[in-house]
């Protein structure tokens, strides 16, 4: 049950209500100050910057280590495959491409010169012109 107010006058009740409101306001202000995390962090960094700097460096190193970690790739040969034959075939193809490129280089150079040679004949304009 609620407490009975007794024979208190309305002035006393108003005074009691205003005191209760002030007390609630003080408590609310304190709760707001306690829950202001960014403000607490700023004060802590200003008071003791060295632990914060060391912590930031440690977190940076940890993140860098996790992000740049190398993954091992394991390639297993299938029992029926012949890797030496595949390497030999790839080597032969690369060698043939190199010989073909060497033989075709003068032909390609002449073709390009015929098609785009007139652009090179004009020369380069002065330093200010485009």
C-alpha atoms as a PDB file:
ATOM      1  CA  UNK A   1       0.000   0.000   0.000  1.00  0.00           C
ATOM      2  CA  UNK A   2       1.017   3.564  -0.541  1.00  0.00           C
ATOM      3  CA  UNK A   3       2.152   5.727   2.302  1.00  0.00           C
ATOM      4  CA  UNK A   4      -0.366   8.095   3.661  1.00  0.00           C
ATOM      5  CA  UNK A   5       0.704  11.675   3.493  1.00  0.00           C
ATOM      6  CA  UNK A   6      -0.853  12.519   6.802  1.00  0.00           C
ATOM      7  CA  UNK A   7      -1.832  16.072   7.505  1.00  0.00           C
ATOM      8  CA  UNK A   8       0.746  17.786   5.279  1.00  0.00           C
ATOM      9  CA  UNK A   9      -0.155  21.068   3.757  1.00  0.00           C
ATOM     10  CA  UNK A  10      -0.128  21.690   0.040  1.00  0.00           C
ATOM     11  CA  UNK A  11       2.983  23.901   0.401  1.00  0.00           C
ATOM     12  CA  UNK A  12       4.896  21.051   2.017  1.00  0.00           C
ATOM     13  CA  UNK A  13       3.764  18.657  -0.735  1.00  0.00           C
ATOM     14  CA  UNK A  14       4.874  21.091  -3.458  1.00  0.00           C
ATOM     15  CA  UNK A  15       8.260  21.454  -1.776  1.00  0.00           C
ATOM     16  CA  UNK A  16       8.623  17.685  -1.553  1.00  0.00           C
ATOM     17  CA  UNK A  17       7.687  17.297  -5.251  1.00  0.00           C
ATOM     18  CA  UNK A  18      10.214  19.943  -6.331  1.00  0.00           C
ATOM     19  CA  UNK A  19      12.961  18.243  -4.276  1.00  0.00           C
ATOM     20  CA  UNK A  20      12.097  14.903  -5.865  1.00  0.00           C
ATOM     21  CA  UNK A  21      12.252  16.457  -9.331  1.00  0.00           C
ATOM     22  CA  UNK A  22      15.657  18.013  -8.575  1.00  0.00           C
ATOM     23  CA  UNK A  23      16.953  14.671  -7.307  1.00  0.00           C
ATOM     24  CA  UNK A  24      15.686  12.875 -10.428  1.00  0.00           C
ATOM     25  CA  UNK A  25      17.265  15.564 -12.614  1.00  0.00           C
ATOM     26  CA  UNK A  26      20.644  15.183 -10.844  1.00  0.00           C
ATOM     27  CA  UNK A  27      20.512  11.409 -11.240  1.00  0.00           C
ATOM     28  CA  UNK A  28      19.586  11.705 -14.911  1.00  0.00           C
ATOM     29  CA  UNK A  29      22.450  14.143 -15.503  1.00  0.00           C
ATOM     30  CA  UNK A  30      24.859  11.736 -13.829  1.00  0.00           C
ATOM     31  CA  UNK A  31      23.585   8.828 -15.929  1.00  0.00           C
ATOM     32  CA  UNK A  32      24.067  10.904 -19.092  1.00  0.00           C
ATOM     33  CA  UNK A  33      27.631  11.773 -18.087  1.00  0.00           C
ATOM     34  CA  UNK A  34      28.410   8.149 -17.262  1.00  0.00           C
ATOM     35  CA  UNK A  35      27.025   6.918 -20.580  1.00  0.00           C
ATOM     36  CA  UNK A  36      28.968   9.431 -22.725  1.00  0.00           C
ATOM     37  CA  UNK A  37      31.596   6.956 -23.989  1.00  0.00           C
ATOM     38  CA  UNK A  38      33.260   9.206 -26.624  1.00  0.00           C
ATOM     39  CA  UNK A  39      33.831  11.890 -23.996  1.00  0.00           C
ATOM     40  CA  UNK A  40      35.354   9.326 -21.612  1.00  0.00           C
ATOM     41  CA  UNK A  41      37.663   8.047 -24.357  1.00  0.00           C
ATOM     42  CA  UNK A  42      38.808  11.580 -25.248  1.00  0.00           C
ATOM     43  CA  UNK A  43      39.596  12.317 -21.603  1.00  0.00           C
ATOM     44  CA  UNK A  44      41.463   9.028 -21.234  1.00  0.00           C
ATOM     45  CA  UNK A  45      43.538   9.697 -24.367  1.00  0.00           C
ATOM     46  CA  UNK A  46      44.362  13.191 -23.132  1.00  0.00           C
ATOM     47  CA  UNK A  47      45.371  11.940 -19.672  1.00  0.00           C
ATOM     48  CA  UNK A  48      47.383   8.884 -20.762  1.00  0.00           C
ATOM     49  CA  UNK A  49      48.259   8.931 -24.488  1.00  0.00           C
ATOM     50  CA  UNK A  50      51.083   6.334 -24.383  1.00  0.00           C
ATOM     51  CA  UNK A  51      48.912   3.251 -23.707  1.00  0.00           C
ATOM     52  CA  UNK A  52      46.479   4.376 -26.402  1.00  0.00           C
ATOM     53  CA  UNK A  53      49.284   4.804 -28.948  1.00  0.00           C
ATOM     54  CA  UNK A  54      50.744   1.394 -28.088  1.00  0.00           C
ATOM     55  CA  UNK A  55      47.296  -0.171 -28.339  1.00  0.00           C
ATOM     56  CA  UNK A  56      46.650   1.457 -31.720  1.00  0.00           C
ATOM     57  CA  UNK A  57      49.981   0.162 -33.040  1.00  0.00           C
ATOM     58  CA  UNK A  58      49.209  -3.331 -31.747  1.00  0.00           C
ATOM     59  CA  UNK A  59      45.763  -3.352 -33.367  1.00  0.00           C
ATOM     60  CA  UNK A  60      47.261  -2.095 -36.637  1.00  0.00           C
ATOM     61  CA  UNK A  61      49.889  -4.831 -36.631  1.00  0.00           C
ATOM     62  CA  UNK A  62      47.284  -7.457 -35.839  1.00  0.00           C
ATOM     63  CA  UNK A  63      44.986  -6.324 -38.640  1.00  0.00           C
ATOM     64  CA  UNK A  64      47.921  -6.190 -41.072  1.00  0.00           C
ATOM     65  CA  UNK A  65      49.018  -9.691 -40.085  1.00  0.00           C
ATOM     66  CA  UNK A  66      45.526 -11.092 -40.584  1.00  0.00           C
ATOM     67  CA  UNK A  67      44.926  -9.347 -43.900  1.00  0.00           C
ATOM     68  CA  UNK A  68      48.309 -10.162 -45.464  1.00  0.00           C
ATOM     69  CA  UNK A  69      48.473 -13.753 -44.269  1.00  0.00           C
ATOM     70  CA  UNK A  70      49.454 -16.080 -47.104  1.00  0.00           C
ATOM     71  CA  UNK A  71      47.356 -19.091 -47.815  1.00  0.00           C
ATOM     72  CA  UNK A  72      48.960 -22.343 -48.745  1.00  0.00           C
ATOM     73  CA  UNK A  73      47.713 -23.800 -51.982  1.00  0.00           C
ATOM     74  CA  UNK A  74      48.159 -27.530 -52.283  1.00  0.00           C
ATOM     75  CA  UNK A  75      47.935 -29.021 -55.741  1.00  0.00           C
ATOM     76  CA  UNK A  76      47.649 -32.754 -55.880  1.00  0.00           C
ATOM     77  CA  UNK A  77      48.190 -34.615 -59.148  1.00  0.00           C
ATOM     78  CA  UNK A  78      45.485 -37.024 -60.181  1.00  0.00           C
ATOM     79  CA  UNK A  79      46.620 -40.643 -60.469  1.00  0.00           C
ATOM     80  CA  UNK A  80      45.834 -40.909 -64.199  1.00  0.00           C
ATOM     81  CA  UNK A  81      47.386 -37.600 -65.354  1.00  0.00           C
ATOM     82  CA  UNK A  82      50.810 -37.181 -66.895  1.00  0.00           C
ATOM     83  CA  UNK A  83      52.259 -33.838 -65.717  1.00  0.00           C
ATOM     84  CA  UNK A  84      55.560 -34.281 -67.566  1.00  0.00           C
ATOM     85  CA  UNK A  85      53.788 -34.710 -70.877  1.00  0.00           C
ATOM     86  CA  UNK A  86      51.709 -31.575 -70.265  1.00  0.00           C
ATOM     87  CA  UNK A  87      54.828 -29.575 -69.408  1.00  0.00           C
ATOM     88  CA  UNK A  88      56.601 -30.835 -72.498  1.00  0.00           C
ATOM     89  CA  UNK A  89      53.631 -29.903 -74.688  1.00  0.00           C
ATOM     90  CA  UNK A  90      53.376 -26.423 -73.137  1.00  0.00           C
ATOM     91  CA  UNK A  91      57.110 -25.871 -73.597  1.00  0.00           C
ATOM     92  CA  UNK A  92      56.904 -26.904 -77.234  1.00  0.00           C
ATOM     93  CA  UNK A  93      53.988 -24.521 -77.858  1.00  0.00           C
ATOM     94  CA  UNK A  94      55.786 -21.595 -76.207  1.00  0.00           C
ATOM     95  CA  UNK A  95      58.919 -22.290 -78.252  1.00  0.00           C
ATOM     96  CA  UNK A  96      56.896 -22.410 -81.470  1.00  0.00           C
ATOM     97  CA  UNK A  97      55.173 -19.111 -80.582  1.00  0.00           C
ATOM     98  CA  UNK A  98      58.524 -17.461 -79.949  1.00  0.00           C
ATOM     99  CA  UNK A  99      59.906 -18.583 -83.315  1.00  0.00           C
ATOM    100  CA  UNK A 100      56.723 -17.443 -85.066  1.00  0.00           C
ATOM    101  CA  UNK A 101      56.868 -14.040 -83.344  1.00  0.00           C
ATOM    102  CA  UNK A 102      60.508 -13.604 -84.377  1.00  0.00           C
ATOM    103  CA  UNK A 103      59.681 -14.433 -88.005  1.00  0.00           C
ATOM    104  CA  UNK A 104      56.544 -12.258 -88.111  1.00  0.00           C
ATOM    105  CA  UNK A 105      58.061  -9.190 -86.411  1.00  0.00           C
ATOM    106  CA  UNK A 106      59.315  -7.529 -89.657  1.00  0.00           C
ATOM    107  CA  UNK A 107      55.989  -8.176 -91.394  1.00  0.00           C
ATOM    108  CA  UNK A 108      53.999  -6.637 -88.542  1.00  0.00           C
ATOM    109  CA  UNK A 109      56.382  -3.655 -88.306  1.00  0.00           C
ATOM    110  CA  UNK A 110      56.012  -2.933 -92.036  1.00  0.00           C
ATOM    111  CA  UNK A 111      52.215  -3.193 -91.832  1.00  0.00           C
ATOM    112  CA  UNK A 112      52.070  -0.773 -88.912  1.00  0.00           C
ATOM    113  CA  UNK A 113      54.441   1.635 -90.687  1.00  0.00           C
ATOM    114  CA  UNK A 114      52.285   1.625 -93.802  1.00  0.00           C
ATOM    115  CA  UNK A 115      49.051   2.204 -91.899  1.00  0.00           C
ATOM    116  CA  UNK A 116      50.269   4.747 -89.343  1.00  0.00           C
ATOM    117  CA  UNK A 117      53.474   6.119 -90.854  1.00  0.00           C
ATOM    118  CA  UNK A 118      51.937   9.378 -92.006  1.00  0.00           C
ATOM    119  CA  UNK A 119      51.249  10.326 -88.370  1.00  0.00           C
ATOM    120  CA  UNK A 120      54.940  10.083 -87.502  1.00  0.00           C
ATOM    121  CA  UNK A 121      55.979  12.148 -90.566  1.00  0.00           C
ATOM    122  CA  UNK A 122      54.231  15.254 -89.272  1.00  0.00           C
ATOM    123  CA  UNK A 123      56.504  15.450 -86.292  1.00  0.00           C
ATOM    124  CA  UNK A 124      55.706  16.786 -82.912  1.00  0.00           C
ATOM    125  CA  UNK A 125      54.319  20.312 -82.558  1.00  0.00           C
ATOM    126  CA  UNK A 126      55.952  22.929 -80.350  1.00  0.00           C
ATOM    127  CA  UNK A 127      55.807  22.730 -76.541  1.00  0.00           C
ATOM    128  CA  UNK A 128      52.657  24.897 -76.312  1.00  0.00           C
ATOM    129  CA  UNK A 129      50.668  23.427 -79.232  1.00  0.00           C
ATOM    130  CA  UNK A 130      48.575  20.334 -79.234  1.00  0.00           C
END
